[in-house]
Amino acid sequence: MFLGKVVGTVWATRKDEELVGMKFQVVKHIGLDYKLKDTFVIAVDTVQAGVGDVVLVCSGSSARQTVQTKNKPVDAVIMAVVDTLDVTDK
């Protein structure tokens, strides 16, 4: 899993029928300081995240373990909207 920030939406009206009804978001990786990194993924949104939300993303075969993505051709899924981070830096 990794932390990311939703920075955009992918609109795809023609897609594999296994993906019909799914919303795709552009998610940039972020660090614990909330700074954006240069890398990004396209992730299926299962929690109604919006642009600007900090999210928890799961990738790889684990992305196909949610109710909405089970056995679908998905490589990344937004599975939580993060309210806050509580990090101790010693």
PDB file of N, CA and C in Angstrom:
ATOM      1  N   MET A   1       0.848  -1.175   0.000  1.00  0.00           N
ATOM      2  CA  MET A   1       0.000   0.000   0.000  1.00  0.00           C
ATOM      3  C   MET A   1       0.890   1.232   0.000  1.00  0.00           C
ATOM      4  N   PHE A   2       0.336   2.315  -0.469  1.00  0.00           N
ATOM      5  CA  PHE A   2       1.062   3.581  -0.433  1.00  0.00           C
ATOM      6  C   PHE A   2       0.089   4.736  -0.295  1.00  0.00           C
ATOM      7  N   LEU A   3       0.631   5.866   0.139  1.00  0.00           N
ATOM      8  CA  LEU A   3      -0.166   7.081   0.245  1.00  0.00           C
ATOM      9  C   LEU A   3      -0.100   7.841  -1.058  1.00  0.00           C
ATOM     10  N   GLY A   4      -1.206   8.428  -1.442  1.00  0.00           N
ATOM     11  CA  GLY A   4      -1.233   9.217  -2.658  1.00  0.00           C
ATOM     12  C   GLY A   4      -2.216  10.360  -2.536  1.00  0.00           C
ATOM     13  N   LYS A   5      -2.177  11.216  -3.531  1.00  0.00           N
ATOM     14  CA  LYS A   5      -3.125  12.329  -3.591  1.00  0.00           C
ATOM     15  C   LYS A   5      -3.802  12.293  -4.954  1.00  0.00           C
ATOM     16  N   VAL A   6      -5.116  12.362  -4.953  1.00  0.00           N
ATOM     17  CA  VAL A   6      -5.863  12.351  -6.208  1.00  0.00           C
ATOM     18  C   VAL A   6      -5.664  13.702  -6.885  1.00  0.00           C
ATOM     19  N   VAL A   7      -5.154  13.654  -8.118  1.00  0.00           N
ATOM     20  CA  VAL A   7      -4.872  14.897  -8.845  1.00  0.00           C
ATOM     21  C   VAL A   7      -5.668  15.003 -10.146  1.00  0.00           C
ATOM     22  N   GLY A   8      -6.457  13.996 -10.446  1.00  0.00           N
ATOM     23  CA  GLY A   8      -7.236  14.069 -11.679  1.00  0.00           C
ATOM     24  C   GLY A   8      -8.097  12.838 -11.871  1.00  0.00           C
ATOM     25  N   THR A   9      -8.893  12.896 -12.912  1.00  0.00           N
ATOM     26  CA  THR A   9      -9.809  11.811 -13.249  1.00  0.00           C
ATOM     27  C   THR A   9      -9.555  11.368 -14.676  1.00  0.00           C
ATOM     28  N   VAL A  10      -9.663  10.078 -14.915  1.00  0.00           N
ATOM     29  CA  VAL A  10      -9.540   9.531 -16.263  1.00  0.00           C
ATOM     30  C   VAL A  10     -10.942   9.240 -16.781  1.00  0.00           C
ATOM     31  N   TRP A  11     -11.281   9.811 -17.912  1.00  0.00           N
ATOM     32  CA  TRP A  11     -12.580   9.553 -18.540  1.00  0.00           C
ATOM     33  C   TRP A  11     -12.364   8.584 -19.682  1.00  0.00           C
ATOM     34  N   ALA A  12     -13.022   7.453 -19.621  1.00  0.00           N
ATOM     35  CA  ALA A  12     -12.890   6.435 -20.659  1.00  0.00           C
ATOM     36  C   ALA A  12     -14.280   5.855 -20.934  1.00  0.00           C
ATOM     37  N   THR A  13     -14.909   6.315 -21.983  1.00  0.00           N
ATOM     38  CA  THR A  13     -16.267   5.843 -22.262  1.00  0.00           C
ATOM     39  C   THR A  13     -16.280   4.474 -22.920  1.00  0.00           C
ATOM     40  N   ARG A  14     -15.208   4.134 -23.622  1.00  0.00           N
ATOM     41  CA  ARG A  14     -15.111   2.793 -24.199  1.00  0.00           C
ATOM     42  C   ARG A  14     -14.072   2.015 -23.416  1.00  0.00           C
ATOM     43  N   LYS A  15     -14.482   0.920 -22.824  1.00  0.00           N
ATOM     44  CA  LYS A  15     -13.561   0.137 -22.009  1.00  0.00           C
ATOM     45  C   LYS A  15     -14.039  -1.306 -21.926  1.00  0.00           C
ATOM     46  N   ASP A  16     -13.187  -2.160 -21.438  1.00  0.00           N
ATOM     47  CA  ASP A  16     -13.530  -3.561 -21.236  1.00  0.00           C
ATOM     48  C   ASP A  16     -14.809  -3.640 -20.393  1.00  0.00           C
ATOM     49  N   GLU A  17     -15.690  -4.555 -20.730  1.00  0.00           N
ATOM     50  CA  GLU A  17     -16.960  -4.627 -20.011  1.00  0.00           C
ATOM     51  C   GLU A  17     -16.784  -4.959 -18.531  1.00  0.00           C
ATOM     52  N   GLU A  18     -15.664  -5.557 -18.161  1.00  0.00           N
ATOM     53  CA  GLU A  18     -15.390  -5.821 -16.744  1.00  0.00           C
ATOM     54  C   GLU A  18     -15.144  -4.529 -15.956  1.00  0.00           C
ATOM     55  N   LEU A  19     -14.875  -3.442 -16.682  1.00  0.00           N
ATOM     56  CA  LEU A  19     -14.561  -2.174 -16.030  1.00  0.00           C
ATOM     57  C   LEU A  19     -15.706  -1.166 -16.088  1.00  0.00           C
ATOM     58  N   VAL A  20     -16.806  -1.548 -16.715  1.00  0.00           N
ATOM     59  CA  VAL A  20     -17.948  -0.635 -16.834  1.00  0.00           C
ATOM     60  C   VAL A  20     -18.457  -0.282 -15.432  1.00  0.00           C
ATOM     61  N   GLY A  21     -18.684   1.001 -15.208  1.00  0.00           N
ATOM     62  CA  GLY A  21     -19.179   1.473 -13.922  1.00  0.00           C
ATOM     63  C   GLY A  21     -18.085   1.844 -12.935  1.00  0.00           C
ATOM     64  N   MET A  22     -16.850   1.591 -13.299  1.00  0.00           N
ATOM     65  CA  MET A  22     -15.746   1.931 -12.404  1.00  0.00           C
ATOM     66  C   MET A  22     -15.207   3.315 -12.722  1.00  0.00           C
ATOM     67  N   LYS A  23     -14.823   4.040 -11.686  1.00  0.00           N
ATOM     68  CA  LYS A  23     -14.261   5.380 -11.818  1.00  0.00           C
ATOM     69  C   LYS A  23     -12.747   5.286 -11.664  1.00  0.00           C
ATOM     70  N   PHE A  24     -12.031   5.945 -12.565  1.00  0.00           N
ATOM     71  CA  PHE A  24     -10.570   5.913 -12.541  1.00  0.00           C
ATOM     72  C   PHE A  24     -10.025   7.277 -12.126  1.00  0.00           C
ATOM     73  N   GLN A  25      -9.081   7.249 -11.195  1.00  0.00           N
ATOM     74  CA  GLN A  25      -8.475   8.481 -10.713  1.00  0.00           C
ATOM     75  C   GLN A  25      -6.968   8.456 -10.966  1.00  0.00           C
ATOM     76  N   VAL A  26      -6.419   9.631 -11.221  1.00  0.00           N
ATOM     77  CA  VAL A  26      -4.967   9.784 -11.332  1.00  0.00           C
ATOM     78  C   VAL A  26      -4.462  10.100  -9.923  1.00  0.00           C
ATOM     79  N   VAL A  27      -3.579   9.246  -9.420  1.00  0.00           N
ATOM     80  CA  VAL A  27      -3.082   9.394  -8.043  1.00  0.00           C
ATOM     81  C   VAL A  27      -1.566   9.544  -8.074  1.00  0.00           C
ATOM     82  N   LYS A  28      -1.090  10.679  -7.551  1.00  0.00           N
ATOM     83  CA  LYS A  28       0.353  10.874  -7.423  1.00  0.00           C
ATOM     84  C   LYS A  28       0.795  10.374  -6.056  1.00  0.00           C
ATOM     85  N   HIS A  29       1.955   9.740  -6.024  1.00  0.00           N
ATOM     86  CA  HIS A  29       2.531   9.295  -4.762  1.00  0.00           C
ATOM     87  C   HIS A  29       2.881  10.523  -3.916  1.00  0.00           C
ATOM     88  N   ILE A  30       2.760  10.384  -2.593  1.00  0.00           N
ATOM     89  CA  ILE A  30       3.176  11.446  -1.681  1.00  0.00           C
ATOM     90  C   ILE A  30       4.017  10.830  -0.567  1.00  0.00           C
ATOM     91  N   GLY A  31       4.817  11.694   0.073  1.00  0.00           N
ATOM     92  CA  GLY A  31       5.595  11.272   1.234  1.00  0.00           C
ATOM     93  C   GLY A  31       4.832  11.569   2.508  1.00  0.00           C
ATOM     94  N   LEU A  32       5.435  11.242   3.650  1.00  0.00           N
ATOM     95  CA  LEU A  32       4.784  11.503   4.935  1.00  0.00           C
ATOM     96  C   LEU A  32       4.621  12.989   5.211  1.00  0.00           C
ATOM     97  N   ASP A  33       5.343  13.819   4.459  1.00  0.00           N
ATOM     98  CA  ASP A  33       5.207  15.274   4.578  1.00  0.00           C
ATOM     99  C   ASP A  33       4.164  15.828   3.612  1.00  0.00           C
ATOM    100  N   TYR A  34       3.429  14.943   2.971  1.00  0.00           N
ATOM    101  CA  TYR A  34       2.375  15.288   1.998  1.00  0.00           C
ATOM    102  C   TYR A  34       2.909  15.895   0.698  1.00  0.00           C
ATOM    103  N   LYS A  35       4.223  15.917   0.512  1.00  0.00           N
ATOM    104  CA  LYS A  35       4.775  16.470  -0.727  1.00  0.00           C
ATOM    105  C   LYS A  35       4.582  15.480  -1.871  1.00  0.00           C
ATOM    106  N   LEU A  36       4.158  16.012  -3.012  1.00  0.00           N
ATOM    107  CA  LEU A  36       3.936  15.180  -4.187  1.00  0.00           C
ATOM    108  C   LEU A  36       5.248  14.693  -4.760  1.00  0.00           C
ATOM    109  N   LYS A  37       5.247  13.448  -5.202  1.00  0.00           N
ATOM    110  CA  LYS A  37       6.395  12.896  -5.911  1.00  0.00           C
ATOM    111  C   LYS A  37       6.071  12.927  -7.402  1.00  0.00           C
ATOM    112  N   ASP A  38       7.053  12.612  -8.223  1.00  0.00           N
ATOM    113  CA  ASP A  38       6.849  12.670  -9.677  1.00  0.00           C
ATOM    114  C   ASP A  38       6.078  11.480 -10.223  1.00  0.00           C
ATOM    115  N   THR A  39       5.974  10.395  -9.463  1.00  0.00           N
ATOM    116  CA  THR A  39       5.341   9.180  -9.974  1.00  0.00           C
ATOM    117  C   THR A  39       3.838   9.187  -9.705  1.00  0.00           C
ATOM    118  N   PHE A  40       3.125   8.452 -10.530  1.00  0.00           N
ATOM    119  CA  PHE A  40       1.678   8.371 -10.374  1.00  0.00           C
ATOM    120  C   PHE A  40       1.174   7.017 -10.846  1.00  0.00           C
ATOM    121  N   VAL A  41      -0.072   6.711 -10.481  1.00  0.00           N
ATOM    122  CA  VAL A  41      -0.763   5.522 -10.978  1.00  0.00           C
ATOM    123  C   VAL A  41      -2.179   5.926 -11.352  1.00  0.00           C
ATOM    124  N   ILE A  42      -2.787   5.104 -12.173  1.00  0.00           N
ATOM    125  CA  ILE A  42      -4.219   5.211 -12.430  1.00  0.00           C
ATOM    126  C   ILE A  42      -4.873   4.138 -11.577  1.00  0.00           C
ATOM    127  N   ALA A  43      -5.786   4.542 -10.713  1.00  0.00           N
ATOM    128  CA  ALA A  43      -6.386   3.608  -9.764  1.00  0.00           C
ATOM    129  C   ALA A  43      -7.904   3.634  -9.862  1.00  0.00           C
ATOM    130  N   VAL A  44      -8.515   2.471  -9.655  1.00  0.00           N
ATOM    131  CA  VAL A  44      -9.971   2.386  -9.556  1.00  0.00           C
ATOM    132  C   VAL A  44     -10.373   2.931  -8.194  1.00  0.00           C
ATOM    133  N   ASP A  45     -11.366   3.787  -8.197  1.00  0.00           N
ATOM    134  CA  ASP A  45     -11.833   4.411  -6.967  1.00  0.00           C
ATOM    135  C   ASP A  45     -13.024   3.626  -6.414  1.00  0.00           C
ATOM    136  N   THR A  46     -12.856   3.037  -5.224  1.00  0.00           N
ATOM    137  CA  THR A  46     -13.958   2.277  -4.614  1.00  0.00           C
ATOM    138  C   THR A  46     -14.579   2.999  -3.428  1.00  0.00           C
ATOM    139  N   VAL A  47     -14.086   4.225  -3.125  1.00  0.00           N
ATOM    140  CA  VAL A  47     -14.566   4.916  -1.921  1.00  0.00           C
ATOM    141  C   VAL A  47     -15.035   6.343  -2.201  1.00  0.00           C
ATOM    142  N   GLN A  48     -15.301   6.644  -3.462  1.00  0.00           N
ATOM    143  CA  GLN A  48     -15.787   7.988  -3.840  1.00  0.00           C
ATOM    144  C   GLN A  48     -14.806   9.092  -3.442  1.00  0.00           C
ATOM    145  N   ALA A  49     -13.522   8.861  -3.677  1.00  0.00           N
ATOM    146  CA  ALA A  49     -12.515   9.886  -3.433  1.00  0.00           C
ATOM    147  C   ALA A  49     -12.652  10.975  -4.492  1.00  0.00           C
ATOM    148  N   GLY A  50     -12.171  12.161  -4.160  1.00  0.00           N
ATOM    149  CA  GLY A  50     -12.226  13.260  -5.107  1.00  0.00           C
ATOM    150  C   GLY A  50     -10.868  13.902  -5.277  1.00  0.00           C
ATOM    151  N   VAL A  51     -10.763  14.772  -6.272  1.00  0.00           N
ATOM    152  CA  VAL A  51      -9.510  15.474  -6.511  1.00  0.00           C
ATOM    153  C   VAL A  51      -9.136  16.263  -5.251  1.00  0.00           C
ATOM    154  N   GLY A  52      -7.889  16.107  -4.836  1.00  0.00           N
ATOM    155  CA  GLY A  52      -7.385  16.768  -3.636  1.00  0.00           C
ATOM    156  C   GLY A  52      -7.362  15.857  -2.412  1.00  0.00           C
ATOM    157  N   ASP A  53      -8.075  14.751  -2.453  1.00  0.00           N
ATOM    158  CA  ASP A  53      -8.081  13.843  -1.303  1.00  0.00           C
ATOM    159  C   ASP A  53      -6.760  13.093  -1.186  1.00  0.00           C
ATOM    160  N   VAL A  54      -6.301  12.902   0.037  1.00  0.00           N
ATOM    161  CA  VAL A  54      -5.180  12.000   0.320  1.00  0.00           C
ATOM    162  C   VAL A  54      -5.792  10.618   0.500  1.00  0.00           C
ATOM    163  N   VAL A  55      -5.219   9.648  -0.177  1.00  0.00           N
ATOM    164  CA  VAL A  55      -5.834   8.324  -0.219  1.00  0.00           C
ATOM    165  C   VAL A  55      -4.812   7.228   0.058  1.00  0.00           C
ATOM    166  N   LEU A  56      -5.345   6.066   0.417  1.00  0.00           N
ATOM    167  CA  LEU A  56      -4.538   4.861   0.593  1.00  0.00           C
ATOM    168  C   LEU A  56      -4.814   3.972  -0.619  1.00  0.00           C
ATOM    169  N   VAL A  57      -3.752   3.618  -1.307  1.00  0.00           N
ATOM    170  CA  VAL A  57      -3.866   2.852  -2.555  1.00  0.00           C
ATOM    171  C   VAL A  57      -3.194   1.499  -2.376  1.00  0.00           C
ATOM    172  N   CYS A  58      -3.848   0.489  -2.889  1.00  0.00           N
ATOM    173  CA  CYS A  58      -3.282  -0.855  -2.906  1.00  0.00           C
ATOM    174  C   CYS A  58      -2.994  -1.201  -4.363  1.00  0.00           C
ATOM    175  N   SER A  59      -1.884  -1.864  -4.607  1.00  0.00           N
ATOM    176  CA  SER A  59      -1.530  -2.180  -5.990  1.00  0.00           C
ATOM    177  C   SER A  59      -1.147  -3.655  -6.127  1.00  0.00           C
ATOM    178  N   GLY A  60      -0.996  -4.058  -7.354  1.00  0.00           N
ATOM    179  CA  GLY A  60      -0.645  -5.449  -7.636  1.00  0.00           C
ATOM    180  C   GLY A  60      -1.855  -6.357  -7.491  1.00  0.00           C
ATOM    181  N   SER A  61      -1.603  -7.626  -7.263  1.00  0.00           N
ATOM    182  CA  SER A  61      -2.705  -8.590  -7.179  1.00  0.00           C
ATOM    183  C   SER A  61      -3.639  -8.299  -6.007  1.00  0.00           C
ATOM    184  N   SER A  62      -3.147  -7.618  -4.989  1.00  0.00           N
ATOM    185  CA  SER A  62      -4.006  -7.258  -3.851  1.00  0.00           C
ATOM    186  C   SER A  62      -5.103  -6.284  -4.258  1.00  0.00           C
ATOM    187  N   ALA A  63      -4.878  -5.538  -5.335  1.00  0.00           N
ATOM    188  CA  ALA A  63      -5.888  -4.594  -5.814  1.00  0.00           C
ATOM    189  C   ALA A  63      -7.146  -5.307  -6.304  1.00  0.00           C
ATOM    190  N   ARG A  64      -7.038  -6.573  -6.554  1.00  0.00           N
ATOM    191  CA  ARG A  64      -8.188  -7.340  -7.040  1.00  0.00           C
ATOM    192  C   ARG A  64      -8.883  -8.088  -5.903  1.00  0.00           C
ATOM    193  N   GLN A  65      -8.675  -7.655  -4.676  1.00  0.00           N
ATOM    194  CA  GLN A  65      -9.267  -8.330  -3.527  1.00  0.00           C
ATOM    195  C   GLN A  65     -10.451  -7.581  -2.931  1.00  0.00           C
ATOM    196  N   THR A  66     -10.801  -6.401  -3.463  1.00  0.00           N
ATOM    197  CA  THR A  66     -11.969  -5.703  -2.927  1.00  0.00           C
ATOM    198  C   THR A  66     -13.225  -6.281  -3.563  1.00  0.00           C
ATOM    199  N   VAL A  67     -14.354  -5.990  -2.972  1.00  0.00           N
ATOM    200  CA  VAL A  67     -15.628  -6.492  -3.505  1.00  0.00           C
ATOM    201  C   VAL A  67     -15.833  -6.007  -4.939  1.00  0.00           C
ATOM    202  N   GLN A  68     -15.507  -4.736  -5.192  1.00  0.00           N
ATOM    203  CA  GLN A  68     -15.755  -4.155  -6.516  1.00  0.00           C
ATOM    204  C   GLN A  68     -14.737  -4.566  -7.576  1.00  0.00           C
ATOM    205  N   THR A  69     -13.547  -4.954  -7.154  1.00  0.00           N
ATOM    206  CA  THR A  69     -12.505  -5.256  -8.141  1.00  0.00           C
ATOM    207  C   THR A  69     -12.158  -6.740  -8.239  1.00  0.00           C
ATOM    208  N   LYS A  70     -12.857  -7.569  -7.510  1.00  0.00           N
ATOM    209  CA  LYS A  70     -12.534  -9.003  -7.480  1.00  0.00           C
ATOM    210  C   LYS A  70     -12.527  -9.592  -8.893  1.00  0.00           C
ATOM    211  N   ASN A  71     -11.414 -10.192  -9.243  1.00  0.00           N
ATOM    212  CA  ASN A  71     -11.209 -10.851 -10.544  1.00  0.00           C
ATOM    213  C   ASN A  71     -11.353  -9.917 -11.748  1.00  0.00           C
ATOM    214  N   LYS A  72     -11.130  -8.635 -11.550  1.00  0.00           N
ATOM    215  CA  LYS A  72     -11.181  -7.639 -12.637  1.00  0.00           C
ATOM    216  C   LYS A  72      -9.750  -7.295 -13.064  1.00  0.00           C
ATOM    217  N   PRO A  73      -9.586  -6.808 -14.292  1.00  0.00           N
ATOM    218  CA  PRO A  73      -8.242  -6.443 -14.768  1.00  0.00           C
ATOM    219  C   PRO A  73      -7.781  -5.102 -14.190  1.00  0.00           C
ATOM    220  N   VAL A  74      -7.484  -5.102 -12.889  1.00  0.00           N
ATOM    221  CA  VAL A  74      -7.147  -3.888 -12.148  1.00  0.00           C
ATOM    222  C   VAL A  74      -5.792  -4.074 -11.477  1.00  0.00           C
ATOM    223  N   ASP A  75      -4.964  -3.035 -11.526  1.00  0.00           N
ATOM    224  CA  ASP A  75      -3.637  -3.107 -10.923  1.00  0.00           C
ATOM    225  C   ASP A  75      -3.472  -2.158  -9.740  1.00  0.00           C
ATOM    226  N   ALA A  76      -4.412  -1.223  -9.563  1.00  0.00           N
ATOM    227  CA  ALA A  76      -4.348  -0.308  -8.423  1.00  0.00           C
ATOM    228  C   ALA A  76      -5.762   0.086  -8.027  1.00  0.00           C
ATOM    229  N   VAL A  77      -5.999   0.198  -6.730  1.00  0.00           N
ATOM    230  CA  VAL A  77      -7.327   0.549  -6.238  1.00  0.00           C
ATOM    231  C   VAL A  77      -7.200   1.515  -5.061  1.00  0.00           C
ATOM    232  N   ILE A  78      -8.042   2.549  -5.084  1.00  0.00           N
ATOM    233  CA  ILE A  78      -8.144   3.458  -3.935  1.00  0.00           C
ATOM    234  C   ILE A  78      -9.081   2.785  -2.954  1.00  0.00           C
ATOM    235  N   MET A  79      -8.555   2.449  -1.765  1.00  0.00           N
ATOM    236  CA  MET A  79      -9.361   1.703  -0.811  1.00  0.00           C
ATOM    237  C   MET A  79      -9.665   2.468   0.468  1.00  0.00           C
ATOM    238  N   ALA A  80      -9.158   3.705   0.594  1.00  0.00           N
ATOM    239  CA  ALA A  80      -9.483   4.519   1.764  1.00  0.00           C
ATOM    240  C   ALA A  80      -9.141   5.977   1.477  1.00  0.00           C
ATOM    241  N   VAL A  81      -9.931   6.869   2.059  1.00  0.00           N
ATOM    242  CA  VAL A  81      -9.608   8.292   2.066  1.00  0.00           C
ATOM    243  C   VAL A  81      -9.013   8.574   3.445  1.00  0.00           C
ATOM    244  N   VAL A  82      -7.812   9.132   3.461  1.00  0.00           N
ATOM    245  CA  VAL A  82      -7.082   9.355   4.712  1.00  0.00           C
ATOM    246  C   VAL A  82      -7.565  10.652   5.356  1.00  0.00           C
ATOM    247  N   ASP A  83      -7.948  10.565   6.627  1.00  0.00           N
ATOM    248  CA  ASP A  83      -8.352  11.760   7.371  1.00  0.00           C
ATOM    249  C   ASP A  83      -7.123  12.484   7.912  1.00  0.00           C
ATOM    250  N   THR A  84      -6.271  11.763   8.612  1.00  0.00           N
ATOM    251  CA  THR A  84      -5.054  12.355   9.158  1.00  0.00           C
ATOM    252  C   THR A  84      -3.963  11.293   9.230  1.00  0.00           C
ATOM    253  N   LEU A  85      -2.739  11.759   9.299  1.00  0.00           N
ATOM    254  CA  LEU A  85      -1.598  10.891   9.567  1.00  0.00           C
ATOM    255  C   LEU A  85      -1.064  11.263  10.939  1.00  0.00           C
ATOM    256  N   ASP A  86      -0.768  10.288  11.739  1.00  0.00           N
ATOM    257  CA  ASP A  86      -0.164  10.515  13.059  1.00  0.00           C
ATOM    258  C   ASP A  86       1.176   9.818  13.030  1.00  0.00           C
ATOM    259  N   VAL A  87       2.232  10.583  12.741  1.00  0.00           N
ATOM    260  CA  VAL A  87       3.564  10.021  12.549  1.00  0.00           C
ATOM    261  C   VAL A  87       4.514  10.640  13.560  1.00  0.00           C
ATOM    262  N   THR A  88       5.270   9.792  14.223  1.00  0.00           N
ATOM    263  CA  THR A  88       6.277  10.261  15.171  1.00  0.00           C
ATOM    264  C   THR A  88       7.639  10.110  14.524  1.00  0.00           C
ATOM    265  N   ASP A  89       8.374  11.191  14.465  1.00  0.00           N
ATOM    266  CA  ASP A  89       9.707  11.180  13.870  1.00  0.00           C
ATOM    267  C   ASP A  89      10.717  11.420  14.967  1.00  0.00           C
ATOM    268  N   LYS A  90      11.447  10.369  15.341  1.00  0.00           N
ATOM    269  CA  LYS A  90      12.402  10.491  16.446  1.00  0.00           C
ATOM    270  C   LYS A  90      13.750  10.943  15.951  1.00  0.00           C
TER     271      LYS A  90
END
